[in-house]
Amino acid sequence: MENNNGTWKLGSALENHMRLLQQLGSEGVEAELKRIREATFERMRNHKNNSLSWQQILKMVAEMEKEKHKKDTT
């Protein structure tokens, strides 16, 4: 929320929520939010996991140290 010269402006998400409340009533808004939430979680479930494990990080650090040590001794 922002205050410009005594008037309040809502953020876009809250503004959209309030507009939907006016148009659809609370049941319609709850149904729309549920649809958005389920679609978001579905995308998250289907998204490829690009995270690294701690073991992978340690292995990469060890390999970098080994390469650095090789360069320092040649």
N, C-alpha and C. Protein backbone atom coordinates (compact mmCIF):
# COMPACT_ATOMS: atom_id res chain seq x y z
N MET A 1 0.83 -1.18 0.00
CA MET A 1 0.00 0.00 0.00
C MET A 1 0.87 1.24 0.00
N GLU A 2 0.41 2.25 -0.70
CA GLU A 2 1.12 3.51 -0.78
C GLU A 2 0.20 4.64 -0.37
N ASN A 3 0.76 5.68 0.16
CA ASN A 3 -0.02 6.85 0.49
C ASN A 3 0.50 8.00 -0.35
N ASN A 4 -0.31 8.47 -1.29
CA ASN A 4 0.05 9.63 -2.11
C ASN A 4 -0.89 10.78 -1.78
N ASN A 5 -0.35 11.77 -1.10
CA ASN A 5 -1.12 12.96 -0.75
C ASN A 5 -2.44 12.62 -0.05
N GLY A 6 -2.40 11.69 0.89
CA GLY A 6 -3.58 11.36 1.66
C GLY A 6 -4.48 10.30 1.03
N THR A 7 -4.17 9.83 -0.17
CA THR A 7 -4.98 8.77 -0.77
C THR A 7 -4.16 7.49 -0.79
N TRP A 8 -4.82 6.38 -0.50
CA TRP A 8 -4.14 5.10 -0.44
C TRP A 8 -4.27 4.37 -1.76
N LYS A 9 -3.17 3.76 -2.22
CA LYS A 9 -3.19 2.93 -3.40
C LYS A 9 -2.81 1.51 -2.97
N LEU A 10 -3.53 0.53 -3.46
CA LEU A 10 -3.24 -0.86 -3.14
C LEU A 10 -2.20 -1.41 -4.10
N GLY A 11 -1.42 -2.40 -3.64
CA GLY A 11 -0.51 -3.10 -4.53
C GLY A 11 -1.33 -3.89 -5.55
N SER A 12 -0.71 -4.28 -6.64
CA SER A 12 -1.45 -4.91 -7.74
C SER A 12 -2.14 -6.21 -7.32
N ALA A 13 -1.49 -7.03 -6.50
CA ALA A 13 -2.11 -8.30 -6.09
C ALA A 13 -3.34 -8.04 -5.23
N LEU A 14 -3.23 -7.15 -4.27
CA LEU A 14 -4.35 -6.84 -3.39
C LEU A 14 -5.45 -6.12 -4.17
N GLU A 15 -5.06 -5.25 -5.08
CA GLU A 15 -6.04 -4.55 -5.91
C GLU A 15 -6.84 -5.55 -6.75
N ASN A 16 -6.15 -6.52 -7.33
CA ASN A 16 -6.81 -7.54 -8.13
C ASN A 16 -7.75 -8.38 -7.26
N HIS A 17 -7.30 -8.73 -6.07
CA HIS A 17 -8.12 -9.50 -5.13
C HIS A 17 -9.41 -8.74 -4.78
N MET A 18 -9.28 -7.46 -4.50
CA MET A 18 -10.45 -6.65 -4.15
C MET A 18 -11.41 -6.54 -5.34
N ARG A 19 -10.86 -6.38 -6.54
CA ARG A 19 -11.69 -6.29 -7.73
C ARG A 19 -12.46 -7.58 -7.94
N LEU A 20 -11.77 -8.73 -7.77
CA LEU A 20 -12.44 -10.01 -7.92
C LEU A 20 -13.51 -10.22 -6.86
N LEU A 21 -13.26 -9.76 -5.64
CA LEU A 21 -14.27 -9.85 -4.59
C LEU A 21 -15.54 -9.12 -5.01
N GLN A 22 -15.35 -7.93 -5.60
CA GLN A 22 -16.51 -7.16 -6.03
C GLN A 22 -17.25 -7.87 -7.17
N GLN A 23 -16.50 -8.46 -8.10
CA GLN A 23 -17.12 -9.09 -9.27
C GLN A 23 -17.70 -10.47 -8.97
N LEU A 24 -16.97 -11.28 -8.23
CA LEU A 24 -17.34 -12.68 -8.06
C LEU A 24 -17.93 -13.02 -6.70
N GLY A 25 -17.78 -12.15 -5.75
CA GLY A 25 -18.17 -12.48 -4.39
C GLY A 25 -17.09 -13.35 -3.76
N SER A 26 -17.17 -13.59 -2.46
CA SER A 26 -16.10 -14.30 -1.76
C SER A 26 -15.94 -15.74 -2.24
N GLU A 27 -17.04 -16.42 -2.57
CA GLU A 27 -16.93 -17.81 -3.05
C GLU A 27 -16.16 -17.88 -4.36
N GLY A 28 -16.46 -16.96 -5.26
CA GLY A 28 -15.77 -16.94 -6.55
C GLY A 28 -14.29 -16.65 -6.41
N VAL A 29 -13.95 -15.74 -5.50
CA VAL A 29 -12.55 -15.40 -5.28
C VAL A 29 -11.81 -16.60 -4.67
N GLU A 30 -12.43 -17.25 -3.69
CA GLU A 30 -11.79 -18.43 -3.08
C GLU A 30 -11.56 -19.51 -4.12
N ALA A 31 -12.53 -19.73 -5.01
CA ALA A 31 -12.38 -20.74 -6.06
C ALA A 31 -11.25 -20.36 -7.01
N GLU A 32 -11.16 -19.08 -7.36
CA GLU A 32 -10.10 -18.62 -8.27
C GLU A 32 -8.73 -18.75 -7.61
N LEU A 33 -8.64 -18.39 -6.34
CA LEU A 33 -7.36 -18.53 -5.63
C LEU A 33 -6.95 -20.00 -5.52
N LYS A 34 -7.92 -20.88 -5.29
CA LYS A 34 -7.63 -22.31 -5.23
C LYS A 34 -7.12 -22.80 -6.58
N ARG A 35 -7.74 -22.35 -7.67
CA ARG A 35 -7.31 -22.75 -9.02
C ARG A 35 -5.88 -22.28 -9.28
N ILE A 36 -5.58 -21.03 -8.93
CA ILE A 36 -4.23 -20.48 -9.13
C ILE A 36 -3.21 -21.25 -8.29
N ARG A 37 -3.55 -21.54 -7.02
CA ARG A 37 -2.65 -22.26 -6.13
C ARG A 37 -2.36 -23.66 -6.67
N GLU A 38 -3.40 -24.37 -7.11
CA GLU A 38 -3.22 -25.72 -7.63
C GLU A 38 -2.40 -25.72 -8.91
N ALA A 39 -2.63 -24.74 -9.78
CA ALA A 39 -1.85 -24.64 -11.02
C ALA A 39 -0.39 -24.35 -10.71
N THR A 40 -0.15 -23.50 -9.71
CA THR A 40 1.23 -23.17 -9.32
C THR A 40 1.95 -24.40 -8.78
N PHE A 41 1.29 -25.14 -7.89
CA PHE A 41 1.92 -26.34 -7.34
C PHE A 41 2.13 -27.40 -8.41
N GLU A 42 1.24 -27.49 -9.38
CA GLU A 42 1.42 -28.43 -10.49
C GLU A 42 2.68 -28.07 -11.29
N ARG A 43 2.87 -26.77 -11.57
CA ARG A 43 4.08 -26.34 -12.29
C ARG A 43 5.32 -26.66 -11.47
N MET A 44 5.24 -26.46 -10.15
CA MET A 44 6.39 -26.73 -9.28
C MET A 44 6.72 -28.23 -9.28
N ARG A 45 5.70 -29.09 -9.24
CA ARG A 45 5.93 -30.54 -9.25
C ARG A 45 6.59 -30.98 -10.54
N ASN A 46 6.23 -30.36 -11.66
CA ASN A 46 6.74 -30.76 -12.96
C ASN A 46 8.03 -30.06 -13.35
N HIS A 47 8.50 -29.13 -12.53
CA HIS A 47 9.71 -28.37 -12.84
C HIS A 47 10.94 -29.21 -12.52
N LYS A 48 11.88 -29.22 -13.44
CA LYS A 48 13.12 -29.96 -13.23
C LYS A 48 13.88 -29.40 -12.03
N ASN A 49 14.34 -30.29 -11.17
CA ASN A 49 15.10 -29.89 -9.99
C ASN A 49 16.53 -29.58 -10.41
N ASN A 50 16.95 -28.32 -10.25
CA ASN A 50 18.30 -27.90 -10.62
C ASN A 50 19.19 -27.68 -9.40
N SER A 51 18.75 -28.15 -8.25
CA SER A 51 19.54 -27.91 -7.04
C SER A 51 20.70 -28.91 -6.95
N LEU A 52 21.70 -28.53 -6.20
CA LEU A 52 22.88 -29.38 -5.98
C LEU A 52 22.84 -29.94 -4.57
N SER A 53 23.32 -31.16 -4.43
CA SER A 53 23.43 -31.73 -3.08
C SER A 53 24.73 -31.22 -2.45
N TRP A 54 24.81 -31.34 -1.14
CA TRP A 54 26.02 -30.93 -0.44
C TRP A 54 27.20 -31.78 -0.91
N GLN A 55 26.98 -33.06 -1.17
CA GLN A 55 28.05 -33.94 -1.65
C GLN A 55 28.57 -33.47 -3.02
N GLN A 56 27.66 -33.04 -3.90
CA GLN A 56 28.09 -32.55 -5.21
C GLN A 56 28.93 -31.29 -5.07
N ILE A 57 28.55 -30.41 -4.17
CA ILE A 57 29.31 -29.17 -3.95
C ILE A 57 30.69 -29.50 -3.42
N LEU A 58 30.77 -30.39 -2.44
CA LEU A 58 32.07 -30.76 -1.87
C LEU A 58 32.97 -31.40 -2.93
N LYS A 59 32.38 -32.25 -3.78
CA LYS A 59 33.14 -32.90 -4.85
C LYS A 59 33.70 -31.86 -5.82
N MET A 60 32.87 -30.87 -6.21
CA MET A 60 33.33 -29.83 -7.13
C MET A 60 34.44 -28.99 -6.52
N VAL A 61 34.31 -28.66 -5.24
CA VAL A 61 35.34 -27.87 -4.55
C VAL A 61 36.64 -28.67 -4.51
N ALA A 62 36.55 -29.96 -4.20
CA ALA A 62 37.75 -30.81 -4.13
C ALA A 62 38.41 -30.89 -5.50
N GLU A 63 37.61 -31.03 -6.57
CA GLU A 63 38.17 -31.10 -7.92
C GLU A 63 38.83 -29.79 -8.32
N MET A 64 38.23 -28.67 -7.92
CA MET A 64 38.83 -27.37 -8.22
C MET A 64 40.15 -27.20 -7.49
N GLU A 65 40.19 -27.65 -6.24
CA GLU A 65 41.43 -27.57 -5.46
C GLU A 65 42.51 -28.45 -6.09
N LYS A 66 42.11 -29.64 -6.56
CA LYS A 66 43.06 -30.55 -7.19
C LYS A 66 43.63 -29.92 -8.47
N GLU A 67 42.76 -29.30 -9.28
CA GLU A 67 43.21 -28.63 -10.51
C GLU A 67 44.13 -27.46 -10.18
N LYS A 68 43.79 -26.70 -9.15
CA LYS A 68 44.62 -25.58 -8.74
C LYS A 68 45.99 -26.07 -8.28
N HIS A 69 45.98 -27.16 -7.53
CA HIS A 69 47.25 -27.71 -7.03
C HIS A 69 48.11 -28.20 -8.19
N LYS A 70 47.49 -28.80 -9.22
CA LYS A 70 48.24 -29.26 -10.40
C LYS A 70 48.91 -28.09 -11.10
N LYS A 71 48.16 -26.98 -11.26
CA LYS A 71 48.71 -25.80 -11.94
C LYS A 71 49.84 -25.18 -11.13
N ASP A 72 49.72 -25.20 -9.80
CA ASP A 72 50.74 -24.60 -8.94
C ASP A 72 52.04 -25.40 -8.95
N THR A 73 51.97 -26.70 -9.21
CA THR A 73 53.16 -27.55 -9.16
C THR A 73 53.81 -27.72 -10.52
N THR A 74 53.20 -27.22 -11.57
CA THR A 74 53.81 -27.37 -12.91
C THR A 74 54.52 -26.14 -13.35
